[in-house]
Amino acid sequence: MFNLFNARTSHFMPMMSVIALSAMRLFGFSNQGGGVFLMGFFSSAIDGLKTVITAIGAGIGVWGVINLLEGYGNDNAGSKSQGIKQLMAGGGIIILAQTVIPLLSGLFGGGGGEGGGK
């Protein structure tokens, strides 16, 4: 069994310390600017998430408009009801993506949204 605290493996401990400190810097646990790369990654990921969710909401909204027009064309109350529900759901998803998702940057300390940060 391998034991880190064994006297025979004492040369292994400094290497583990260097790896741990490097990982802490990368993930932003240091005040020396080591987490800049990770914060940039989070802000670009949040921007991408916002774009993807907005596109999904727009797609659902367009699908709802098509169902709504089809319902009016065929005088089908069920299709009209389905279409208006999809249209409203798509609009709600777009509003959610534009208002709530930018607040996620405040959770990760990026400060890019209205959630605060550093």
N, C-alpha and C. Protein backbone atom coordinates (compact mmCIF):
# COMPACT_ATOMS: atom_id res chain seq x y z
N MET A 1 0.84 -1.18 0.00
CA MET A 1 0.00 0.00 0.00
C MET A 1 0.88 1.23 0.00
N PHE A 2 0.47 2.23 -0.75
CA PHE A 2 1.26 3.44 -0.88
C PHE A 2 0.80 4.46 0.15
N ASN A 3 1.73 4.97 0.94
CA ASN A 3 1.41 5.92 1.99
C ASN A 3 2.22 7.19 1.76
N LEU A 4 1.55 8.33 1.62
CA LEU A 4 2.24 9.59 1.37
C LEU A 4 3.05 10.05 2.57
N PHE A 5 2.70 9.61 3.76
CA PHE A 5 3.37 10.08 4.96
C PHE A 5 4.49 9.13 5.41
N ASN A 6 4.83 8.18 4.60
CA ASN A 6 5.91 7.26 4.92
C ASN A 6 7.25 7.98 4.73
N ALA A 7 8.23 7.68 5.54
CA ALA A 7 9.54 8.33 5.45
C ALA A 7 10.24 7.97 4.15
N ARG A 8 9.99 6.79 3.60
CA ARG A 8 10.64 6.39 2.35
C ARG A 8 10.10 7.16 1.15
N THR A 9 8.92 7.76 1.25
CA THR A 9 8.35 8.49 0.12
C THR A 9 8.36 10.00 0.36
N SER A 10 9.26 10.48 1.17
CA SER A 10 9.28 11.91 1.49
C SER A 10 9.63 12.77 0.28
N HIS A 11 10.29 12.20 -0.73
CA HIS A 11 10.60 12.97 -1.94
C HIS A 11 9.35 13.23 -2.77
N PHE A 12 8.29 12.47 -2.52
CA PHE A 12 7.05 12.61 -3.28
C PHE A 12 6.21 13.80 -2.79
N MET A 13 6.35 14.16 -1.53
CA MET A 13 5.53 15.21 -0.94
C MET A 13 5.74 16.58 -1.58
N PRO A 14 6.97 17.05 -1.82
CA PRO A 14 7.12 18.37 -2.45
C PRO A 14 6.50 18.43 -3.85
N MET A 15 6.57 17.35 -4.60
CA MET A 15 5.97 17.34 -5.92
C MET A 15 4.45 17.47 -5.82
N MET A 16 3.84 16.80 -4.85
CA MET A 16 2.39 16.91 -4.66
C MET A 16 2.01 18.32 -4.23
N SER A 17 2.85 18.98 -3.45
CA SER A 17 2.57 20.36 -3.03
C SER A 17 2.56 21.29 -4.22
N VAL A 18 3.52 21.13 -5.12
CA VAL A 18 3.60 21.97 -6.31
C VAL A 18 2.37 21.76 -7.19
N ILE A 19 1.97 20.51 -7.34
CA ILE A 19 0.78 20.21 -8.16
C ILE A 19 -0.47 20.80 -7.52
N ALA A 20 -0.60 20.68 -6.22
CA ALA A 20 -1.78 21.21 -5.53
C ALA A 20 -1.83 22.73 -5.63
N LEU A 21 -0.70 23.41 -5.45
CA LEU A 21 -0.68 24.86 -5.54
C LEU A 21 -0.96 25.33 -6.96
N SER A 22 -0.46 24.60 -7.95
CA SER A 22 -0.74 24.97 -9.34
C SER A 22 -2.23 24.83 -9.65
N ALA A 23 -2.83 23.77 -9.15
CA ALA A 23 -4.26 23.58 -9.37
C ALA A 23 -5.07 24.67 -8.67
N MET A 24 -4.65 25.05 -7.47
CA MET A 24 -5.35 26.11 -6.76
C MET A 24 -5.26 27.44 -7.51
N ARG A 25 -4.11 27.73 -8.08
CA ARG A 25 -3.96 28.96 -8.86
C ARG A 25 -4.83 28.93 -10.10
N LEU A 26 -4.87 27.79 -10.77
CA LEU A 26 -5.65 27.67 -11.99
C LEU A 26 -7.13 27.89 -11.71
N PHE A 27 -7.63 27.38 -10.59
CA PHE A 27 -9.05 27.49 -10.29
C PHE A 27 -9.40 28.75 -9.50
N GLY A 28 -8.49 29.70 -9.42
CA GLY A 28 -8.81 30.99 -8.86
C GLY A 28 -8.77 31.08 -7.35
N PHE A 29 -8.07 30.18 -6.67
CA PHE A 29 -7.99 30.24 -5.22
C PHE A 29 -6.79 31.04 -4.75
N SER A 30 -6.22 31.83 -5.62
CA SER A 30 -5.04 32.61 -5.28
C SER A 30 -5.31 34.07 -5.61
N ASN A 31 -4.72 34.98 -4.89
CA ASN A 31 -4.87 36.41 -5.16
C ASN A 31 -3.85 36.92 -6.16
N GLN A 32 -3.07 36.04 -6.76
CA GLN A 32 -1.99 36.47 -7.64
C GLN A 32 -2.39 36.41 -9.10
N GLY A 33 -3.65 36.35 -9.41
CA GLY A 33 -4.11 36.39 -10.79
C GLY A 33 -4.02 35.07 -11.52
N GLY A 34 -3.88 33.97 -10.82
CA GLY A 34 -3.79 32.68 -11.48
C GLY A 34 -5.10 32.16 -12.03
N GLY A 35 -6.22 32.69 -11.58
CA GLY A 35 -7.52 32.21 -12.02
C GLY A 35 -8.10 32.98 -13.19
N VAL A 36 -7.29 33.81 -13.84
CA VAL A 36 -7.79 34.63 -14.95
C VAL A 36 -8.27 33.74 -16.09
N PHE A 37 -7.52 32.69 -16.40
CA PHE A 37 -7.91 31.80 -17.49
C PHE A 37 -9.26 31.17 -17.21
N LEU A 38 -9.47 30.70 -16.00
CA LEU A 38 -10.71 30.02 -15.66
C LEU A 38 -11.89 30.98 -15.66
N MET A 39 -11.71 32.20 -15.19
CA MET A 39 -12.80 33.16 -15.19
C MET A 39 -13.19 33.51 -16.63
N GLY A 40 -12.21 33.61 -17.51
CA GLY A 40 -12.52 33.85 -18.92
C GLY A 40 -13.28 32.69 -19.52
N PHE A 41 -12.92 31.49 -19.12
CA PHE A 41 -13.63 30.30 -19.59
C PHE A 41 -15.09 30.32 -19.13
N PHE A 42 -15.32 30.66 -17.86
CA PHE A 42 -16.68 30.70 -17.35
C PHE A 42 -17.51 31.77 -18.04
N SER A 43 -16.93 32.95 -18.27
CA SER A 43 -17.71 34.01 -18.91
C SER A 43 -18.05 33.65 -20.35
N SER A 44 -17.11 33.02 -21.07
CA SER A 44 -17.43 32.62 -22.44
C SER A 44 -18.43 31.46 -22.45
N ALA A 45 -18.34 30.56 -21.47
CA ALA A 45 -19.30 29.46 -21.39
C ALA A 45 -20.70 29.99 -21.07
N ILE A 46 -20.79 30.99 -20.22
CA ILE A 46 -22.09 31.56 -19.88
C ILE A 46 -22.68 32.29 -21.08
N ASP A 47 -21.83 33.00 -21.85
CA ASP A 47 -22.32 33.64 -23.06
C ASP A 47 -22.82 32.62 -24.07
N GLY A 48 -22.10 31.52 -24.21
CA GLY A 48 -22.53 30.47 -25.11
C GLY A 48 -23.83 29.83 -24.66
N LEU A 49 -23.97 29.59 -23.36
CA LEU A 49 -25.19 29.02 -22.81
C LEU A 49 -26.38 29.94 -23.06
N LYS A 50 -26.15 31.24 -22.88
CA LYS A 50 -27.21 32.22 -23.13
C LYS A 50 -27.66 32.18 -24.58
N THR A 51 -26.70 32.08 -25.50
CA THR A 51 -27.03 32.03 -26.93
C THR A 51 -27.79 30.77 -27.27
N VAL A 52 -27.35 29.63 -26.76
CA VAL A 52 -28.01 28.36 -27.07
C VAL A 52 -29.44 28.33 -26.53
N ILE A 53 -29.64 28.77 -25.31
CA ILE A 53 -30.97 28.74 -24.73
C ILE A 53 -31.90 29.74 -25.43
N THR A 54 -31.35 30.89 -25.84
CA THR A 54 -32.16 31.84 -26.61
C THR A 54 -32.58 31.24 -27.94
N ALA A 55 -31.67 30.52 -28.60
CA ALA A 55 -32.00 29.88 -29.87
C ALA A 55 -33.06 28.79 -29.69
N ILE A 56 -32.98 28.04 -28.61
CA ILE A 56 -33.99 27.01 -28.34
C ILE A 56 -35.36 27.67 -28.12
N GLY A 57 -35.39 28.75 -27.34
CA GLY A 57 -36.64 29.47 -27.12
C GLY A 57 -37.22 30.03 -28.40
N ALA A 58 -36.35 30.56 -29.27
CA ALA A 58 -36.82 31.10 -30.55
C ALA A 58 -37.38 29.98 -31.42
N GLY A 59 -36.73 28.83 -31.42
CA GLY A 59 -37.22 27.70 -32.20
C GLY A 59 -38.59 27.23 -31.72
N ILE A 60 -38.78 27.17 -30.41
CA ILE A 60 -40.08 26.77 -29.87
C ILE A 60 -41.14 27.82 -30.22
N GLY A 61 -40.75 29.09 -30.15
CA GLY A 61 -41.69 30.16 -30.50
C GLY A 61 -42.11 30.10 -31.97
N VAL A 62 -41.16 29.86 -32.87
CA VAL A 62 -41.47 29.75 -34.30
C VAL A 62 -42.37 28.54 -34.55
N TRP A 63 -42.07 27.44 -33.89
CA TRP A 63 -42.90 26.25 -34.01
C TRP A 63 -44.33 26.55 -33.53
N GLY A 64 -44.44 27.33 -32.46
CA GLY A 64 -45.75 27.72 -31.96
C GLY A 64 -46.52 28.58 -32.95
N VAL A 65 -45.81 29.52 -33.60
CA VAL A 65 -46.47 30.37 -34.60
C VAL A 65 -46.97 29.51 -35.76
N ILE A 66 -46.17 28.55 -36.19
CA ILE A 66 -46.60 27.67 -37.28
C ILE A 66 -47.84 26.87 -36.88
N ASN A 67 -47.86 26.34 -35.66
CA ASN A 67 -49.04 25.60 -35.19
C ASN A 67 -50.26 26.52 -35.07
N LEU A 68 -50.01 27.75 -34.62
CA LEU A 68 -51.11 28.70 -34.48
C LEU A 68 -51.71 29.04 -35.84
N LEU A 69 -50.87 29.30 -36.83
CA LEU A 69 -51.37 29.61 -38.17
C LEU A 69 -52.06 28.41 -38.80
N GLU A 70 -51.51 27.23 -38.54
CA GLU A 70 -52.15 26.02 -39.06
C GLU A 70 -53.53 25.82 -38.43
N GLY A 71 -53.64 26.13 -37.15
CA GLY A 71 -54.92 26.00 -36.46
C GLY A 71 -55.94 26.97 -37.00
N TYR A 72 -55.50 28.20 -37.30
CA TYR A 72 -56.44 29.17 -37.87
C TYR A 72 -56.81 28.78 -39.31
N GLY A 73 -55.85 28.22 -40.05
CA GLY A 73 -56.13 27.84 -41.43
C GLY A 73 -57.10 26.68 -41.54
N ASN A 74 -56.99 25.73 -40.64
CA ASN A 74 -57.85 24.54 -40.69
C ASN A 74 -59.02 24.63 -39.73
N ASP A 75 -59.15 25.77 -39.04
CA ASP A 75 -60.19 25.97 -38.03
C ASP A 75 -60.17 24.85 -36.99
N ASN A 76 -58.97 24.62 -36.46
CA ASN A 76 -58.75 23.55 -35.48
C ASN A 76 -58.39 24.20 -34.14
N ALA A 77 -59.31 24.11 -33.19
CA ALA A 77 -59.10 24.75 -31.88
C ALA A 77 -57.94 24.12 -31.12
N GLY A 78 -57.74 22.81 -31.28
CA GLY A 78 -56.65 22.13 -30.58
C GLY A 78 -55.29 22.61 -31.06
N SER A 79 -55.15 22.80 -32.35
CA SER A 79 -53.88 23.26 -32.90
C SER A 79 -53.62 24.72 -32.52
N LYS A 80 -54.68 25.53 -32.46
CA LYS A 80 -54.51 26.93 -32.03
C LYS A 80 -54.06 26.98 -30.57
N SER A 81 -54.66 26.15 -29.75
CA SER A 81 -54.28 26.11 -28.33
C SER A 81 -52.83 25.66 -28.16
N GLN A 82 -52.45 24.62 -28.88
CA GLN A 82 -51.08 24.13 -28.83
C GLN A 82 -50.11 25.21 -29.30
N GLY A 83 -50.47 25.91 -30.37
CA GLY A 83 -49.60 26.94 -30.92
C GLY A 83 -49.38 28.10 -29.98
N ILE A 84 -50.44 28.58 -29.33
CA ILE A 84 -50.28 29.71 -28.42
C ILE A 84 -49.48 29.30 -27.19
N LYS A 85 -49.64 28.04 -26.74
CA LYS A 85 -48.84 27.56 -25.60
C LYS A 85 -47.36 27.51 -25.96
N GLN A 86 -47.06 27.00 -27.17
CA GLN A 86 -45.66 26.93 -27.59
C GLN A 86 -45.07 28.32 -27.79
N LEU A 87 -45.87 29.23 -28.34
CA LEU A 87 -45.39 30.60 -28.54
C LEU A 87 -45.06 31.26 -27.21
N MET A 88 -45.93 31.12 -26.24
CA MET A 88 -45.68 31.71 -24.92
C MET A 88 -44.50 31.04 -24.21
N ALA A 89 -44.39 29.72 -24.35
CA ALA A 89 -43.26 29.02 -23.73
C ALA A 89 -41.94 29.46 -24.35
N GLY A 90 -41.92 29.62 -25.67
CA GLY A 90 -40.71 30.09 -26.33
C GLY A 90 -40.32 31.49 -25.88
N GLY A 91 -41.31 32.37 -25.75
CA GLY A 91 -41.04 33.72 -25.25
C GLY A 91 -40.53 33.70 -23.83
N GLY A 92 -41.09 32.84 -23.00
CA GLY A 92 -40.62 32.73 -21.61
C GLY A 92 -39.20 32.22 -21.53
N ILE A 93 -38.84 31.27 -22.38
CA ILE A 93 -37.48 30.75 -22.38
C ILE A 93 -36.50 31.83 -22.82
N ILE A 94 -36.88 32.64 -23.80
CA ILE A 94 -36.00 33.72 -24.26
C ILE A 94 -35.80 34.74 -23.15
N ILE A 95 -36.87 35.11 -22.46
CA ILE A 95 -36.75 36.06 -21.35
C ILE A 95 -35.88 35.49 -20.24
N LEU A 96 -36.05 34.21 -19.94
CA LEU A 96 -35.23 33.54 -18.93
C LEU A 96 -33.75 33.58 -19.32
N ALA A 97 -33.47 33.29 -20.59
CA ALA A 97 -32.08 33.27 -21.05
C ALA A 97 -31.45 34.65 -20.99
N GLN A 98 -32.22 35.68 -21.27
CA GLN A 98 -31.66 37.02 -21.32
C GLN A 98 -31.53 37.66 -19.94
N THR A 99 -32.30 37.21 -18.96
CA THR A 99 -32.26 37.86 -17.65
C THR A 99 -31.57 37.02 -16.57
N VAL A 100 -31.84 35.73 -16.53
CA VAL A 100 -31.35 34.91 -15.42
C VAL A 100 -29.95 34.36 -15.69
N ILE A 101 -29.68 33.92 -16.90
CA ILE A 101 -28.39 33.28 -17.17
C ILE A 101 -27.21 34.23 -17.00
N PRO A 102 -27.29 35.52 -17.36
CA PRO A 102 -26.15 36.39 -17.07
C PRO A 102 -25.85 36.52 -15.58
N LEU A 103 -26.82 36.25 -14.72
CA LEU A 103 -26.57 36.30 -13.28
C LEU A 103 -25.64 35.18 -12.82
N LEU A 104 -25.50 34.13 -13.64
CA LEU A 104 -24.60 33.03 -13.28
C LEU A 104 -23.15 33.49 -13.19
N SER A 105 -22.78 34.52 -13.94
CA SER A 105 -21.40 34.98 -13.88
C SER A 105 -21.06 35.54 -12.51
N GLY A 106 -22.06 36.04 -11.79
CA GLY A 106 -21.83 36.50 -10.43
C GLY A 106 -21.54 35.36 -9.47
N LEU A 107 -22.07 34.17 -9.77
CA LEU A 107 -21.80 33.01 -8.92
C LEU A 107 -20.36 32.57 -9.01
N PHE A 108 -19.75 32.74 -10.18
CA PHE A 108 -18.39 32.28 -10.38
C PHE A 108 -17.37 33.39 -10.16
N GLY A 109 -17.80 34.55 -9.68
CA GLY A 109 -16.87 35.62 -9.37
C GLY A 109 -16.38 36.39 -10.57
N GLY A 110 -17.05 36.22 -11.71
CA GLY A 110 -16.60 36.93 -12.91
C GLY A 110 -16.99 38.39 -12.89
N GLY A 111 -18.11 38.70 -12.26
CA GLY A 111 -18.55 40.08 -12.19
C GLY A 111 -19.12 40.61 -13.48
N GLY A 112 -19.34 39.74 -14.47
CA GLY A 112 -19.81 40.21 -15.77
C GLY A 112 -21.30 40.48 -15.79
N GLY A 113 -22.07 39.80 -14.97
CA GLY A 113 -23.50 39.99 -14.97
C GLY A 113 -23.91 40.99 -13.93
N GLU A 114 -25.20 41.02 -13.65
CA GLU A 114 -25.68 41.95 -12.65
C GLU A 114 -25.64 41.33 -11.26
N GLY A 115 -25.06 40.15 -11.16
CA GLY A 115 -25.02 39.44 -9.89
C GLY A 115 -23.91 39.88 -8.97
N GLY A 116 -23.07 40.78 -9.41
CA GLY A 116 -22.01 41.25 -8.54
C GLY A 116 -20.68 40.64 -8.91
N GLY A 117 -20.11 39.88 -8.02
CA GLY A 117 -18.81 39.31 -8.25
C GLY A 117 -17.77 40.08 -7.48
N LYS A 118 -16.57 40.21 -8.06
CA LYS A 118 -15.47 40.89 -7.36
C LYS A 118 -15.55 42.39 -7.50
